[in-house]
N, C-alpha and C. Protein backbone atom coordinates (compact mmCIF):
# COMPACT_ATOMS: atom_id res chain seq x y z
N MET A 1 120.99 107.76 96.15
CA MET A 1 120.38 106.14 96.27
C MET A 1 119.46 106.47 95.07
N GLY A 2 118.61 107.44 94.42
CA GLY A 2 117.33 106.72 93.76
C GLY A 2 116.40 106.98 94.06
N GLU A 3 115.51 105.88 93.42
CA GLU A 3 114.02 105.65 94.01
C GLU A 3 113.90 104.84 94.92
N PHE A 4 112.81 105.00 95.87
CA PHE A 4 112.35 104.15 96.91
C PHE A 4 110.63 103.98 96.91
N GLY A 5 110.43 103.16 97.28
CA GLY A 5 108.93 102.57 97.38
C GLY A 5 108.49 101.57 98.47
N GLN A 6 107.53 101.19 98.60
CA GLN A 6 106.99 100.17 99.28
C GLN A 6 105.56 99.39 98.65
N ASN A 7 105.72 98.23 98.34
CA ASN A 7 104.30 97.53 97.88
C ASN A 7 103.32 97.43 98.52
N ASP A 8 103.33 97.23 99.80
CA ASP A 8 102.13 96.97 100.86
C ASP A 8 101.50 98.29 101.86
N CYS A 9 102.10 99.61 101.19
CA CYS A 9 101.37 101.06 101.95
C CYS A 9 102.09 101.12 103.57
N SER A 10 102.74 100.21 103.55
CA SER A 10 103.16 100.37 104.88
C SER A 10 104.62 101.30 105.20
N ASP A 11 104.98 101.93 106.32
CA ASP A 11 106.23 102.52 106.48
C ASP A 11 107.15 102.27 106.57
N TRP A 12 107.66 100.82 107.32
CA TRP A 12 108.42 100.23 108.21
C TRP A 12 110.22 100.36 107.00
N TYR A 13 109.99 100.49 105.89
CA TYR A 13 111.21 100.60 105.00
C TYR A 13 111.48 102.17 105.14
N VAL A 14 110.60 102.90 104.88
CA VAL A 14 110.94 104.34 104.39
C VAL A 14 111.71 104.98 105.91
N ARG A 15 110.79 104.36 106.75
CA ARG A 15 111.47 105.20 108.46
C ARG A 15 113.00 104.07 108.54
N ASN A 16 112.95 103.35 108.32
CA ASN A 16 114.36 102.69 108.42
C ASN A 16 115.34 103.30 107.42
N ILE A 17 115.17 103.73 106.18
CA ILE A 17 116.41 104.28 105.22
C ILE A 17 116.24 106.04 105.44
N TYR A 18 115.14 106.63 105.45
CA TYR A 18 115.28 107.75 105.66
C TYR A 18 116.19 108.83 106.43
N ASP A 19 116.38 108.31 107.31
CA ASP A 19 117.53 108.74 108.40
C ASP A 19 118.98 108.40 107.59
N TRP A 20 119.28 107.63 107.18
CA TRP A 20 120.39 106.92 106.76
C TRP A 20 120.69 108.24 105.27
N MET A 21 119.55 108.42 104.43
CA MET A 21 119.58 109.01 103.22
C MET A 21 119.87 110.49 103.95
N GLN A 22 119.10 110.50 104.95
CA GLN A 22 118.88 112.08 105.15
C GLN A 22 120.55 112.50 105.96
N LYS A 23 121.59 111.86 106.38
CA LYS A 23 122.62 111.75 107.00
C LYS A 23 123.52 111.79 105.87
N GLY A 24 123.33 111.31 104.83
CA GLY A 24 124.07 110.87 103.57
C GLY A 24 125.65 111.21 104.17
N VAL A 25 127.02 111.25 103.50
CA VAL A 25 127.82 111.40 103.29
C VAL A 25 128.55 112.81 103.57
N ASN A 26 129.32 112.79 104.54
CA ASN A 26 130.03 114.18 104.85
C ASN A 26 129.02 115.26 105.38
N GLY A 27 128.03 114.81 105.54
CA GLY A 27 126.91 116.13 105.89
C GLY A 27 125.83 116.28 104.76
N VAL A 28 126.44 116.16 103.58
CA VAL A 28 125.97 115.99 102.33
C VAL A 28 124.55 114.78 102.03
N PRO A 29 123.28 115.22 101.99
CA PRO A 29 122.43 114.01 101.92
C PRO A 29 121.96 113.48 100.85
N HIS A 30 121.93 112.04 100.74
CA HIS A 30 121.59 111.62 99.62
C HIS A 30 120.26 112.27 98.72
N SER A 31 120.75 112.12 97.57
CA SER A 31 119.39 112.30 96.88
C SER A 31 118.22 111.29 96.81
N ARG A 32 116.90 111.47 96.74
CA ARG A 32 116.12 110.66 96.95
C ARG A 32 114.83 111.04 96.39
N LEU A 33 114.22 110.11 95.36
CA LEU A 33 112.82 110.14 94.99
C LEU A 33 111.95 108.81 95.20
N ALA A 34 110.82 109.35 96.21
CA ALA A 34 109.96 108.42 96.47
C ALA A 34 109.25 107.62 95.20
N TRP A 35 108.63 106.60 95.03
CA TRP A 35 107.66 106.20 93.82
C TRP A 35 106.72 105.46 94.31
N THR A 36 105.37 105.97 93.77
CA THR A 36 105.20 106.05 92.60
C THR A 36 104.09 107.19 92.63
N TYR A 37 104.13 108.43 92.02
CA TYR A 37 102.96 109.30 91.77
C TYR A 37 101.79 108.82 90.97
N ASN A 38 101.10 107.46 91.11
CA ASN A 38 100.11 106.96 90.67
C ASN A 38 99.10 106.51 91.64
N THR A 39 97.80 106.61 91.37
CA THR A 39 96.90 106.35 92.02
C THR A 39 96.13 104.96 92.38
N TRP A 40 96.95 104.00 91.88
CA TRP A 40 96.58 102.24 92.28
C TRP A 40 96.48 102.31 93.59
N ASP A 41 96.43 101.01 93.62
CA ASP A 41 96.75 101.00 95.73
C ASP A 41 97.54 99.81 95.43
N CYS A 42 98.13 99.77 96.24
CA CYS A 42 99.99 99.25 96.76
C CYS A 42 100.35 98.14 96.58
N ARG A 43 99.16 97.29 96.51
CA ARG A 43 99.50 95.89 95.78
C ARG A 43 99.67 95.60 94.28
N SER A 44 99.52 96.83 93.83
CA SER A 44 100.16 96.75 92.11
C SER A 44 101.65 97.43 92.39
N GLY A 45 101.99 97.59 93.37
CA GLY A 45 103.35 98.61 93.09
C GLY A 45 103.29 99.45 94.18
N PRO A 46 104.39 100.47 94.71
CA PRO A 46 104.13 101.45 95.42
C PRO A 46 103.24 102.50 94.81
N ALA A 47 102.83 103.05 95.57
CA ALA A 47 101.77 104.51 95.73
C ALA A 47 102.19 105.18 96.56
N LEU A 48 102.15 106.51 96.17
CA LEU A 48 102.21 107.57 97.58
C LEU A 48 100.80 108.34 97.46
N ILE A 49 99.97 107.91 96.29
CA ILE A 49 99.11 109.14 96.70
C ILE A 49 97.19 108.47 95.89
N THR A 50 96.59 108.43 96.60
CA THR A 50 94.96 107.55 96.09
C THR A 50 94.17 108.67 95.65
N ASP A 51 94.96 110.23 95.23
CA ASP A 51 94.24 110.54 93.98
C ASP A 51 95.09 112.29 93.99
N TYR A 52 94.80 112.55 92.42
CA TYR A 52 95.55 113.68 92.06
C TYR A 52 95.45 115.13 93.11
N TYR A 53 94.74 115.18 94.21
CA TYR A 53 94.45 116.27 94.75
C TYR A 53 95.09 116.37 96.49
N GLY A 54 95.79 115.08 96.60
CA GLY A 54 97.18 115.11 97.29
C GLY A 54 96.25 114.27 98.28
N GLY A 55 95.77 113.11 98.31
CA GLY A 55 95.48 112.38 99.38
C GLY A 55 96.79 111.22 99.48
N CYS A 56 97.09 111.14 100.53
CA CYS A 56 98.05 109.87 100.68
C CYS A 56 97.80 108.40 100.81
N THR A 57 98.47 107.86 100.66
CA THR A 57 98.43 106.36 100.83
C THR A 57 98.75 105.86 102.56
N GLY A 58 97.79 104.78 102.73
CA GLY A 58 98.29 104.35 104.23
C GLY A 58 98.95 105.46 104.67
N SER A 59 100.32 104.66 105.74
CA SER A 59 101.25 105.14 106.43
C SER A 59 102.46 105.07 105.34
N PHE A 60 102.64 104.89 104.68
CA PHE A 60 103.88 104.81 103.29
C PHE A 60 103.99 106.36 102.69
N GLY A 61 102.74 106.46 102.13
CA GLY A 61 102.54 108.08 101.42
C GLY A 61 102.17 109.05 102.27
N CYS A 62 101.93 109.04 103.49
CA CYS A 62 101.81 109.91 104.61
C CYS A 62 102.93 110.33 105.20
N THR A 63 103.81 109.14 105.79
CA THR A 63 105.30 109.31 106.24
C THR A 63 106.08 109.87 105.03
N VAL A 64 105.95 109.49 103.88
CA VAL A 64 107.05 110.06 102.94
C VAL A 64 106.48 111.57 102.94
N ARG A 65 105.44 112.04 102.95
CA ARG A 65 104.97 113.65 102.86
C ARG A 65 105.36 114.15 103.58
N SER A 66 105.09 113.58 105.24
CA SER A 66 105.72 114.18 106.12
C SER A 66 107.23 114.53 106.39
N LEU A 67 108.04 113.36 105.87
CA LEU A 67 109.42 113.28 106.02
C LEU A 67 109.98 114.24 105.20
N TYR A 68 109.25 114.37 103.91
CA TYR A 68 109.85 115.92 103.04
C TYR A 68 109.25 117.10 103.48
N GLN A 69 108.23 117.34 104.08
CA GLN A 69 107.91 118.42 104.70
C GLN A 69 109.15 118.79 106.02
N GLN A 70 109.47 117.72 106.57
CA GLN A 70 110.38 117.85 107.84
C GLN A 70 111.78 118.42 107.29
N HIS A 71 112.22 117.93 106.35
CA HIS A 71 113.42 117.91 105.54
C HIS A 71 113.26 118.19 103.95
N PRO A 72 112.88 119.66 104.15
CA PRO A 72 113.22 119.80 102.47
C PRO A 72 114.35 119.90 101.70
N VAL A 73 114.47 119.56 100.52
CA VAL A 73 115.48 119.46 99.54
C VAL A 73 116.31 120.74 99.51
N SER A 74 117.84 120.81 99.51
CA SER A 74 118.30 122.32 99.25
C SER A 74 118.47 122.32 97.63
N LEU A 75 118.35 123.21 96.91
CA LEU A 75 118.46 122.91 95.71
C LEU A 75 119.97 123.91 95.49
N SER A 76 120.89 124.22 96.57
CA SER A 76 121.89 124.94 96.11
C SER A 76 123.17 123.74 95.49
N TYR A 77 124.16 124.54 94.88
CA TYR A 77 124.95 123.34 94.36
C TYR A 77 126.52 124.38 93.52
N GLU A 78 127.88 123.76 93.90
CA GLU A 78 128.83 124.37 93.69
C GLU A 78 128.84 124.11 92.23
N PRO A 79 129.39 125.49 91.63
CA PRO A 79 129.61 125.67 90.24
C PRO A 79 130.86 124.82 90.07
N LEU A 80 130.67 124.18 88.68
CA LEU A 80 132.12 123.64 88.21
C LEU A 80 133.13 123.53 88.70
N SER A 81 133.28 125.42 88.13
CA SER A 81 134.64 125.81 88.23
C SER A 81 135.21 125.84 89.85
N SER A 82 134.57 125.44 90.80
CA SER A 82 135.07 125.62 92.29
C SER A 82 135.58 124.01 92.32
N ILE A 83 135.22 123.33 91.51
CA ILE A 83 135.90 121.68 92.27
C ILE A 83 137.06 121.53 91.24
N ASN A 84 137.97 121.28 92.14
CA ASN A 84 139.15 120.71 92.10
C ASN A 84 139.12 119.34 91.66
């Protein structure tokens, strides 16, 4: 998947795409990176935070934080030697 974000601080896009990213392919979730960790307002571009102490922007930043907390990303992997 890559990066995703919203310029209006709402969460309609995140809510629609996150389930698809979590389901992934054959039960393996797609990788994802919410964008950006800048403190500007959402009219300047996607923004997740209002400050560097963890304040979230509108429903976009707060929804992303909530979804990440509900679905932690696994860092497990298969060694290359086990892939045919």
